[in-house]
Amino acid sequence: MEAFYKSVDPLEKEDIAAAIAYALTQPARVSVNEILIRPSNQEM
């Protein structure tokens, strides 16, 4: 597990802020119900 965690670049606070801003700035006709945020180099 330690090797796995060392291989993943951690998210930065700006990454989370950008996702929140995206959700909050959608038009009223758009419903954002869930957002999954994880490092792009993390396996699913």
PDB file of N, CA and C in Angstrom:
ATOM      1  N   MET A   1       0.824  -1.192   0.000  1.00  0.00           N
ATOM      2  CA  MET A   1       0.000   0.000   0.000  1.00  0.00           C
ATOM      3  C   MET A   1       0.870   1.258   0.000  1.00  0.00           C
ATOM      4  N   GLU A   2       1.968   1.206   0.703  1.00  0.00           N
ATOM      5  CA  GLU A   2       2.831   2.379   0.759  1.00  0.00           C
ATOM      6  C   GLU A   2       3.328   2.762  -0.634  1.00  0.00           C
ATOM      7  N   ALA A   3       3.699   1.768  -1.421  1.00  0.00           N
ATOM      8  CA  ALA A   3       4.157   2.043  -2.789  1.00  0.00           C
ATOM      9  C   ALA A   3       3.033   2.649  -3.624  1.00  0.00           C
ATOM     10  N   PHE A   4       1.835   2.159  -3.426  1.00  0.00           N
ATOM     11  CA  PHE A   4       0.678   2.704  -4.145  1.00  0.00           C
ATOM     12  C   PHE A   4       0.485   4.179  -3.812  1.00  0.00           C
ATOM     13  N   TYR A   5       0.483   4.523  -2.551  1.00  0.00           N
ATOM     14  CA  TYR A   5       0.254   5.907  -2.145  1.00  0.00           C
ATOM     15  C   TYR A   5       1.370   6.823  -2.641  1.00  0.00           C
ATOM     16  N   LYS A   6       2.573   6.313  -2.690  1.00  0.00           N
ATOM     17  CA  LYS A   6       3.685   7.117  -3.200  1.00  0.00           C
ATOM     18  C   LYS A   6       3.595   7.318  -4.704  1.00  0.00           C
ATOM     19  N   SER A   7       2.886   6.449  -5.397  1.00  0.00           N
ATOM     20  CA  SER A   7       2.785   6.548  -6.858  1.00  0.00           C
ATOM     21  C   SER A   7       1.676   7.492  -7.314  1.00  0.00           C
ATOM     22  N   VAL A   8       0.830   7.934  -6.414  1.00  0.00           N
ATOM     23  CA  VAL A   8      -0.304   8.799  -6.762  1.00  0.00           C
ATOM     24  C   VAL A   8       0.007  10.239  -6.358  1.00  0.00           C
ATOM     25  N   ASP A   9      -0.118  11.140  -7.333  1.00  0.00           N
ATOM     26  CA  ASP A   9       0.060  12.557  -7.024  1.00  0.00           C
ATOM     27  C   ASP A   9      -1.168  13.050  -6.264  1.00  0.00           C
ATOM     28  N   PRO A  10      -0.985  13.654  -5.114  1.00  0.00           N
ATOM     29  CA  PRO A  10      -2.145  14.099  -4.334  1.00  0.00           C
ATOM     30  C   PRO A  10      -2.853  15.273  -5.003  1.00  0.00           C
ATOM     31  N   LEU A  11      -4.136  15.389  -4.726  1.00  0.00           N
ATOM     32  CA  LEU A  11      -4.900  16.534  -5.207  1.00  0.00           C
ATOM     33  C   LEU A  11      -4.472  17.783  -4.445  1.00  0.00           C
ATOM     34  N   GLU A  12      -4.646  18.913  -5.092  1.00  0.00           N
ATOM     35  CA  GLU A  12      -4.354  20.182  -4.439  1.00  0.00           C
ATOM     36  C   GLU A  12      -5.672  20.891  -4.132  1.00  0.00           C
ATOM     37  N   LYS A  13      -5.633  21.832  -3.228  1.00  0.00           N
ATOM     38  CA  LYS A  13      -6.860  22.521  -2.826  1.00  0.00           C
ATOM     39  C   LYS A  13      -7.524  23.214  -4.009  1.00  0.00           C
ATOM     40  N   GLU A  14      -6.743  23.649  -4.985  1.00  0.00           N
ATOM     41  CA  GLU A  14      -7.298  24.289  -6.169  1.00  0.00           C
ATOM     42  C   GLU A  14      -8.114  23.304  -7.014  1.00  0.00           C
ATOM     43  N   ASP A  15      -7.739  22.034  -6.987  1.00  0.00           N
ATOM     44  CA  ASP A  15      -8.489  21.011  -7.715  1.00  0.00           C
ATOM     45  C   ASP A  15      -9.901  20.870  -7.151  1.00  0.00           C
ATOM     46  N   ILE A  16      -9.994  20.854  -5.848  1.00  0.00           N
ATOM     47  CA  ILE A  16     -11.302  20.741  -5.188  1.00  0.00           C
ATOM     48  C   ILE A  16     -12.111  22.011  -5.418  1.00  0.00           C
ATOM     49  N   ALA A  17     -11.462  23.156  -5.290  1.00  0.00           N
ATOM     50  CA  ALA A  17     -12.148  24.430  -5.491  1.00  0.00           C
ATOM     51  C   ALA A  17     -12.701  24.534  -6.913  1.00  0.00           C
ATOM     52  N   ALA A  18     -11.960  24.078  -7.903  1.00  0.00           N
ATOM     53  CA  ALA A  18     -12.414  24.138  -9.296  1.00  0.00           C
ATOM     54  C   ALA A  18     -13.653  23.260  -9.501  1.00  0.00           C
ATOM     55  N   ALA A  19     -13.676  22.089  -8.873  1.00  0.00           N
ATOM     56  CA  ALA A  19     -14.831  21.198  -9.000  1.00  0.00           C
ATOM     57  C   ALA A  19     -16.068  21.811  -8.339  1.00  0.00           C
ATOM     58  N   ILE A  20     -15.882  22.441  -7.199  1.00  0.00           N
ATOM     59  CA  ILE A  20     -16.996  23.090  -6.507  1.00  0.00           C
ATOM     60  C   ILE A  20     -17.508  24.269  -7.335  1.00  0.00           C
ATOM     61  N   ALA A  21     -16.590  25.053  -7.876  1.00  0.00           N
ATOM     62  CA  ALA A  21     -16.988  26.191  -8.708  1.00  0.00           C
ATOM     63  C   ALA A  21     -17.762  25.713  -9.930  1.00  0.00           C
ATOM     64  N   TYR A  22     -17.327  24.625 -10.532  1.00  0.00           N
ATOM     65  CA  TYR A  22     -18.040  24.056 -11.674  1.00  0.00           C
ATOM     66  C   TYR A  22     -19.487  23.726 -11.284  1.00  0.00           C
ATOM     67  N   ALA A  23     -19.655  23.030 -10.184  1.00  0.00           N
ATOM     68  CA  ALA A  23     -20.996  22.617  -9.762  1.00  0.00           C
ATOM     69  C   ALA A  23     -21.885  23.823  -9.453  1.00  0.00           C
ATOM     70  N   LEU A  24     -21.320  24.829  -8.841  1.00  0.00           N
ATOM     71  CA  LEU A  24     -22.109  25.992  -8.429  1.00  0.00           C
ATOM     72  C   LEU A  24     -22.437  26.945  -9.569  1.00  0.00           C
ATOM     73  N   THR A  25     -21.717  26.860 -10.659  1.00  0.00           N
ATOM     74  CA  THR A  25     -21.934  27.800 -11.750  1.00  0.00           C
ATOM     75  C   THR A  25     -22.750  27.218 -12.902  1.00  0.00           C
ATOM     76  N   GLN A  26     -23.328  26.056 -12.698  1.00  0.00           N
ATOM     77  CA  GLN A  26     -24.175  25.472 -13.733  1.00  0.00           C
ATOM     78  C   GLN A  26     -25.522  26.182 -13.764  1.00  0.00           C
ATOM     79  N   PRO A  27     -26.143  26.237 -14.933  1.00  0.00           N
ATOM     80  CA  PRO A  27     -27.475  26.869 -15.023  1.00  0.00           C
ATOM     81  C   PRO A  27     -28.488  26.147 -14.141  1.00  0.00           C
ATOM     82  N   ALA A  28     -29.565  26.830 -13.809  1.00  0.00           N
ATOM     83  CA  ALA A  28     -30.590  26.262 -12.928  1.00  0.00           C
ATOM     84  C   ALA A  28     -31.196  24.985 -13.496  1.00  0.00           C
ATOM     85  N   ARG A  29     -31.161  24.809 -14.821  1.00  0.00           N
ATOM     86  CA  ARG A  29     -31.729  23.604 -15.437  1.00  0.00           C
ATOM     87  C   ARG A  29     -30.828  22.378 -15.272  1.00  0.00           C
ATOM     88  N   VAL A  30     -29.623  22.588 -14.753  1.00  0.00           N
ATOM     89  CA  VAL A  30     -28.653  21.497 -14.563  1.00  0.00           C
ATOM     90  C   VAL A  30     -28.624  21.108 -13.095  1.00  0.00           C
ATOM     91  N   SER A  31     -28.763  19.814 -12.839  1.00  0.00           N
ATOM     92  CA  SER A  31     -28.689  19.301 -11.475  1.00  0.00           C
ATOM     93  C   SER A  31     -27.423  18.467 -11.327  1.00  0.00           C
ATOM     94  N   VAL A  32     -26.506  18.945 -10.532  1.00  0.00           N
ATOM     95  CA  VAL A  32     -25.279  18.200 -10.246  1.00  0.00           C
ATOM     96  C   VAL A  32     -25.524  17.465  -8.939  1.00  0.00           C
ATOM     97  N   ASN A  33     -25.676  16.147  -9.013  1.00  0.00           N
ATOM     98  CA  ASN A  33     -26.012  15.360  -7.832  1.00  0.00           C
ATOM     99  C   ASN A  33     -24.800  14.784  -7.118  1.00  0.00           C
ATOM    100  N   GLU A  34     -23.799  14.441  -7.879  1.00  0.00           N
ATOM    101  CA  GLU A  34     -22.604  13.838  -7.284  1.00  0.00           C
ATOM    102  C   GLU A  34     -21.367  14.292  -8.041  1.00  0.00           C
ATOM    103  N   ILE A  35     -20.292  14.431  -7.315  1.00  0.00           N
ATOM    104  CA  ILE A  35     -19.000  14.716  -7.927  1.00  0.00           C
ATOM    105  C   ILE A  35     -17.985  13.775  -7.281  1.00  0.00           C
ATOM    106  N   LEU A  36     -17.271  13.069  -8.111  1.00  0.00           N
ATOM    107  CA  LEU A  36     -16.199  12.193  -7.638  1.00  0.00           C
ATOM    108  C   LEU A  36     -14.889  12.823  -8.074  1.00  0.00           C
ATOM    109  N   ILE A  37     -14.064  13.155  -7.109  1.00  0.00           N
ATOM    110  CA  ILE A  37     -12.797  13.815  -7.393  1.00  0.00           C
ATOM    111  C   ILE A  37     -11.675  12.924  -6.868  1.00  0.00           C
ATOM    112  N   ARG A  38     -10.793  12.541  -7.778  1.00  0.00           N
ATOM    113  CA  ARG A  38      -9.644  11.744  -7.362  1.00  0.00           C
ATOM    114  C   ARG A  38      -8.495  12.031  -8.316  1.00  0.00           C
ATOM    115  N   PRO A  39      -7.304  11.720  -7.904  1.00  0.00           N
ATOM    116  CA  PRO A  39      -6.159  11.944  -8.788  1.00  0.00           C
ATOM    117  C   PRO A  39      -6.324  11.161 -10.094  1.00  0.00           C
ATOM    118  N   SER A  40      -5.975  11.797 -11.199  1.00  0.00           N
ATOM    119  CA  SER A  40      -6.171  11.157 -12.502  1.00  0.00           C
ATOM    120  C   SER A  40      -5.289   9.930 -12.698  1.00  0.00           C
ATOM    121  N   ASN A  41      -4.185   9.834 -11.982  1.00  0.00           N
ATOM    122  CA  ASN A  41      -3.335   8.655 -12.144  1.00  0.00           C
ATOM    123  C   ASN A  41      -3.651   7.554 -11.124  1.00  0.00           C
ATOM    124  N   GLN A  42      -4.766   7.678 -10.426  1.00  0.00           N
ATOM    125  CA  GLN A  42      -5.216   6.635  -9.497  1.00  0.00           C
ATOM    126  C   GLN A  42      -6.070   5.640 -10.257  1.00  0.00           C
ATOM    127  N   GLU A  43      -5.785   4.372 -10.087  1.00  0.00           N
ATOM    128  CA  GLU A  43      -6.585   3.349 -10.738  1.00  0.00           C
ATOM    129  C   GLU A  43      -7.979   3.316 -10.139  1.00  0.00           C
ATOM    130  N   MET A  44      -8.939   2.899 -10.944  1.00  0.00           N
ATOM    131  CA  MET A  44     -10.327   2.835 -10.472  1.00  0.00           C
ATOM    132  C   MET A  44     -10.572   1.631  -9.617  1.00  0.00           C
TER     133      MET A  44
END
